[in-house]
Amino acid sequence: MPTVAPRGTAENAMPSALIDTGVLLDYLAGEPRAKRAIEPYAHRSISVVTWLELMAHCPPALLESTRGFLRSFERLSVSESIADEALRLMHQRSGLPLQRALTWATANVNQLRFVTADAAHVNKDDTNVVLPYRRGKAPA
């Protein structure tokens, strides 16, 4: 089970971020680009939706180590304002899946960078979205 690298120092730390499910799946699979995407952030969060997705897909033998890994992230709950923001995102971006909308909305409402490797539904004017790599594409 990979471990989270030490967080950035105060001098070089980037703003706080919410890490998307896909990036964490890649990280847990040993994807170096995912590791590089996560490391710079001094404060790392996940949505309760991401926590549930990862734990639900986790092999039984890895449940405890995965749970321990996820404890290194602040887990943010879904509130009424997050549900409202998720609905706004889904209306604005046709085809945006519910779980993705909830995760993205959690970042927006908590004023966090949204670190994702899923470029679908992301526009160039989405200033809080960080797309460090594209999932499924090999590095150039």
C-alpha atoms as a PDB file:
ATOM      1  CA  MET A   1       0.000   0.000   0.000  1.00  0.00           C
ATOM      2  CA  PRO A   2       1.554   3.347  -0.982  1.00  0.00           C
ATOM      3  CA  THR A   3       1.985   6.019   1.619  1.00  0.00           C
ATOM      4  CA  VAL A   4       1.315   9.700   1.206  1.00  0.00           C
ATOM      5  CA  ALA A   5       4.486  11.699   0.791  1.00  0.00           C
ATOM      6  CA  PRO A   6       5.281  14.391   3.336  1.00  0.00           C
ATOM      7  CA  ARG A   7       3.273  17.520   2.751  1.00  0.00           C
ATOM      8  CA  GLY A   8       4.909  20.608   1.355  1.00  0.00           C
ATOM      9  CA  THR A   9       6.639  23.016   3.667  1.00  0.00           C
ATOM     10  CA  ALA A  10       5.104  26.405   4.366  1.00  0.00           C
ATOM     11  CA  GLU A  11       7.443  27.997   1.821  1.00  0.00           C
ATOM     12  CA  ASN A  12       6.558  25.756  -1.116  1.00  0.00           C
ATOM     13  CA  ALA A  13       3.102  24.404  -0.250  1.00  0.00           C
ATOM     14  CA  MET A  14       0.319  24.979  -2.720  1.00  0.00           C
ATOM     15  CA  PRO A  15      -3.197  26.001  -1.640  1.00  0.00           C
ATOM     16  CA  SER A  16      -5.478  23.415  -0.093  1.00  0.00           C
ATOM     17  CA  ALA A  17      -7.023  20.870  -2.434  1.00  0.00           C
ATOM     18  CA  LEU A  18      -9.751  18.300  -2.698  1.00  0.00           C
ATOM     19  CA  ILE A  19      -8.481  15.207  -4.506  1.00  0.00           C
ATOM     20  CA  ASP A  20     -10.855  13.483  -6.935  1.00  0.00           C
ATOM     21  CA  THR A  21     -11.599   9.749  -6.814  1.00  0.00           C
ATOM     22  CA  GLY A  22      -9.807   8.967 -10.083  1.00  0.00           C
ATOM     23  CA  VAL A  23      -6.538  10.531  -8.944  1.00  0.00           C
ATOM     24  CA  LEU A  24      -6.643   8.490  -5.733  1.00  0.00           C
ATOM     25  CA  LEU A  25      -7.448   5.296  -7.631  1.00  0.00           C
ATOM     26  CA  ASP A  26      -4.422   5.976  -9.829  1.00  0.00           C
ATOM     27  CA  TYR A  27      -2.288   6.748  -6.773  1.00  0.00           C
ATOM     28  CA  LEU A  28      -3.287   3.483  -5.110  1.00  0.00           C
ATOM     29  CA  ALA A  29      -2.444   1.657  -8.353  1.00  0.00           C
ATOM     30  CA  GLY A  30       1.079   3.140  -8.265  1.00  0.00           C
ATOM     31  CA  GLU A  31       0.634   5.780 -10.984  1.00  0.00           C
ATOM     32  CA  PRO A  32       3.578   8.230 -10.613  1.00  0.00           C
ATOM     33  CA  ARG A  33       1.612  11.115 -12.164  1.00  0.00           C
ATOM     34  CA  ALA A  34      -1.028  10.770  -9.444  1.00  0.00           C
ATOM     35  CA  LYS A  35       1.663  10.844  -6.767  1.00  0.00           C
ATOM     36  CA  ARG A  36       3.090  14.047  -8.263  1.00  0.00           C
ATOM     37  CA  ALA A  37      -0.422  15.527  -8.448  1.00  0.00           C
ATOM     38  CA  ILE A  38      -1.077  14.996  -4.725  1.00  0.00           C
ATOM     39  CA  GLU A  39       2.299  15.764  -3.124  1.00  0.00           C
ATOM     40  CA  PRO A  40       2.437  19.582  -3.445  1.00  0.00           C
ATOM     41  CA  TYR A  41      -0.656  20.260  -1.360  1.00  0.00           C
ATOM     42  CA  ALA A  42      -0.136  21.070   2.320  1.00  0.00           C
ATOM     43  CA  HIS A  43      -3.794  20.386   3.134  1.00  0.00           C
ATOM     44  CA  ARG A  44      -5.505  17.523   1.327  1.00  0.00           C
ATOM     45  CA  SER A  45      -9.206  16.722   1.488  1.00  0.00           C
ATOM     46  CA  ILE A  46     -11.585  14.197  -0.012  1.00  0.00           C
ATOM     47  CA  SER A  47     -15.343  14.143  -0.307  1.00  0.00           C
ATOM     48  CA  VAL A  48     -17.262  11.561   1.685  1.00  0.00           C
ATOM     49  CA  VAL A  49     -18.398  10.383  -1.781  1.00  0.00           C
ATOM     50  CA  THR A  50     -14.778   9.651  -2.760  1.00  0.00           C
ATOM     51  CA  TRP A  51     -14.186   7.856   0.548  1.00  0.00           C
ATOM     52  CA  LEU A  52     -17.226   5.655  -0.088  1.00  0.00           C
ATOM     53  CA  GLU A  53     -16.287   4.952  -3.723  1.00  0.00           C
ATOM     54  CA  LEU A  54     -12.754   3.898  -2.777  1.00  0.00           C
ATOM     55  CA  MET A  55     -13.797   1.773   0.181  1.00  0.00           C
ATOM     56  CA  ALA A  56     -16.608   0.087  -1.806  1.00  0.00           C
ATOM     57  CA  HIS A  57     -14.199  -0.963  -4.575  1.00  0.00           C
ATOM     58  CA  CYS A  58     -11.388  -1.983  -2.249  1.00  0.00           C
ATOM     59  CA  PRO A  59     -10.442  -5.669  -2.089  1.00  0.00           C
ATOM     60  CA  PRO A  60     -11.228  -7.100   1.371  1.00  0.00           C
ATOM     61  CA  ALA A  61      -7.548  -7.777   2.086  1.00  0.00           C
ATOM     62  CA  LEU A  62      -6.728  -4.082   1.624  1.00  0.00           C
ATOM     63  CA  LEU A  63      -9.639  -2.537   3.542  1.00  0.00           C
ATOM     64  CA  GLU A  64      -7.708  -1.599   6.689  1.00  0.00           C
ATOM     65  CA  SER A  65      -4.630  -0.253   4.896  1.00  0.00           C
ATOM     66  CA  THR A  66      -6.836   1.741   2.508  1.00  0.00           C
ATOM     67  CA  ARG A  67      -8.844   3.119   5.428  1.00  0.00           C
ATOM     68  CA  GLY A  68      -5.560   4.137   7.081  1.00  0.00           C
ATOM     69  CA  PHE A  69      -4.365   5.826   3.886  1.00  0.00           C
ATOM     70  CA  LEU A  70      -7.634   7.760   3.566  1.00  0.00           C
ATOM     71  CA  ARG A  71      -7.312   9.007   7.145  1.00  0.00           C
ATOM     72  CA  SER A  72      -4.431  11.185   5.930  1.00  0.00           C
ATOM     73  CA  PHE A  73      -7.051  13.301   4.109  1.00  0.00           C
ATOM     74  CA  GLU A  74      -9.699  15.482   5.697  1.00  0.00           C
ATOM     75  CA  ARG A  75     -13.056  13.866   4.845  1.00  0.00           C
ATOM     76  CA  LEU A  76     -15.715  16.461   3.991  1.00  0.00           C
ATOM     77  CA  SER A  77     -19.434  15.711   4.309  1.00  0.00           C
ATOM     78  CA  VAL A  78     -22.190  16.632   1.892  1.00  0.00           C
ATOM     79  CA  SER A  79     -24.256  19.578   3.125  1.00  0.00           C
ATOM     80  CA  GLU A  80     -27.300  21.321   1.723  1.00  0.00           C
ATOM     81  CA  SER A  81     -25.099  23.969   0.090  1.00  0.00           C
ATOM     82  CA  ILE A  82     -22.956  21.255  -1.517  1.00  0.00           C
ATOM     83  CA  ALA A  83     -26.078  19.497  -2.822  1.00  0.00           C
ATOM     84  CA  ASP A  84     -27.291  22.821  -4.274  1.00  0.00           C
ATOM     85  CA  GLU A  85     -23.914  23.421  -5.947  1.00  0.00           C
ATOM     86  CA  ALA A  86     -23.857  19.854  -7.317  1.00  0.00           C
ATOM     87  CA  LEU A  87     -27.282  20.409  -8.856  1.00  0.00           C
ATOM     88  CA  ARG A  88     -26.093  23.680 -10.391  1.00  0.00           C
ATOM     89  CA  LEU A  89     -23.072  21.889 -11.900  1.00  0.00           C
ATOM     90  CA  MET A  90     -25.248  19.082 -13.286  1.00  0.00           C
ATOM     91  CA  HIS A  91     -27.619  21.576 -14.920  1.00  0.00           C
ATOM     92  CA  GLN A  92     -24.700  23.546 -16.318  1.00  0.00           C
ATOM     93  CA  ARG A  93     -22.784  20.498 -17.625  1.00  0.00           C
ATOM     94  CA  SER A  94     -24.983  17.960 -19.348  1.00  0.00           C
ATOM     95  CA  GLY A  95     -24.013  14.388 -18.524  1.00  0.00           C
ATOM     96  CA  LEU A  96     -22.012  15.189 -15.387  1.00  0.00           C
ATOM     97  CA  PRO A  97     -22.432  12.120 -13.129  1.00  0.00           C
ATOM     98  CA  LEU A  98     -23.959  12.645  -9.697  1.00  0.00           C
ATOM     99  CA  GLN A  99     -20.942  11.419  -7.698  1.00  0.00           C
ATOM    100  CA  ARG A 100     -18.593  13.640  -9.720  1.00  0.00           C
ATOM    101  CA  ALA A 101     -20.907  16.627  -9.263  1.00  0.00           C
ATOM    102  CA  LEU A 102     -20.991  16.078  -5.493  1.00  0.00           C
ATOM    103  CA  THR A 103     -17.199  15.798  -5.276  1.00  0.00           C
ATOM    104  CA  TRP A 104     -16.603  18.883  -7.441  1.00  0.00           C
ATOM    105  CA  ALA A 105     -19.265  20.826  -5.519  1.00  0.00           C
ATOM    106  CA  THR A 106     -17.553  19.890  -2.247  1.00  0.00           C
ATOM    107  CA  ALA A 107     -14.375  21.537  -3.544  1.00  0.00           C
ATOM    108  CA  ASN A 108     -16.250  24.624  -4.751  1.00  0.00           C
ATOM    109  CA  VAL A 109     -18.225  25.208  -1.545  1.00  0.00           C
ATOM    110  CA  ASN A 110     -15.123  24.701   0.628  1.00  0.00           C
ATOM    111  CA  GLN A 111     -13.049  26.996  -1.636  1.00  0.00           C
ATOM    112  CA  LEU A 112     -10.531  24.249  -2.432  1.00  0.00           C
ATOM    113  CA  ARG A 113      -8.663  23.433  -5.604  1.00  0.00           C
ATOM    114  CA  PHE A 114     -10.301  20.424  -7.300  1.00  0.00           C
ATOM    115  CA  VAL A 115      -7.507  18.079  -8.409  1.00  0.00           C
ATOM    116  CA  THR A 116      -8.842  15.691 -11.043  1.00  0.00           C
ATOM    117  CA  ALA A 117      -7.529  13.644 -13.950  1.00  0.00           C
ATOM    118  CA  ASP A 118     -10.933  13.511 -15.628  1.00  0.00           C
ATOM    119  CA  ALA A 119     -11.094  16.245 -18.233  1.00  0.00           C
ATOM    120  CA  ALA A 120     -14.720  15.559 -19.157  1.00  0.00           C
ATOM    121  CA  HIS A 121     -16.967  18.509 -18.303  1.00  0.00           C
ATOM    122  CA  VAL A 122     -13.994  20.752 -17.354  1.00  0.00           C
ATOM    123  CA  ASN A 123     -13.846  24.125 -19.121  1.00  0.00           C
ATOM    124  CA  LYS A 124     -10.776  26.319 -19.515  1.00  0.00           C
ATOM    125  CA  ASP A 125     -12.431  28.972 -17.335  1.00  0.00           C
ATOM    126  CA  ASP A 126     -12.806  26.584 -14.353  1.00  0.00           C
ATOM    127  CA  THR A 127     -10.144  28.361 -12.322  1.00  0.00           C
ATOM    128  CA  ASN A 128     -10.320  26.133  -9.232  1.00  0.00           C
ATOM    129  CA  VAL A 129      -9.842  22.917 -11.263  1.00  0.00           C
ATOM    130  CA  VAL A 130      -6.339  21.439 -11.532  1.00  0.00           C
ATOM    131  CA  LEU A 131      -5.889  18.852 -14.279  1.00  0.00           C
ATOM    132  CA  PRO A 132      -2.330  17.532 -13.729  1.00  0.00           C
ATOM    133  CA  TYR A 133      -2.768  14.694 -16.254  1.00  0.00           C
ATOM    134  CA  ARG A 134      -5.566  12.975 -18.138  1.00  0.00           C
ATOM    135  CA  ARG A 135      -6.697   9.596 -16.869  1.00  0.00           C
ATOM    136  CA  GLY A 136      -6.133   6.755 -19.299  1.00  0.00           C
ATOM    137  CA  LYS A 137      -3.647   8.716 -21.420  1.00  0.00           C
ATOM    138  CA  ALA A 138      -0.021   7.661 -21.318  1.00  0.00           C
ATOM    139  CA  PRO A 139       2.501  10.390 -20.462  1.00  0.00           C
ATOM    140  CA  ALA A 140       3.877  12.189 -23.527  1.00  0.00           C
END
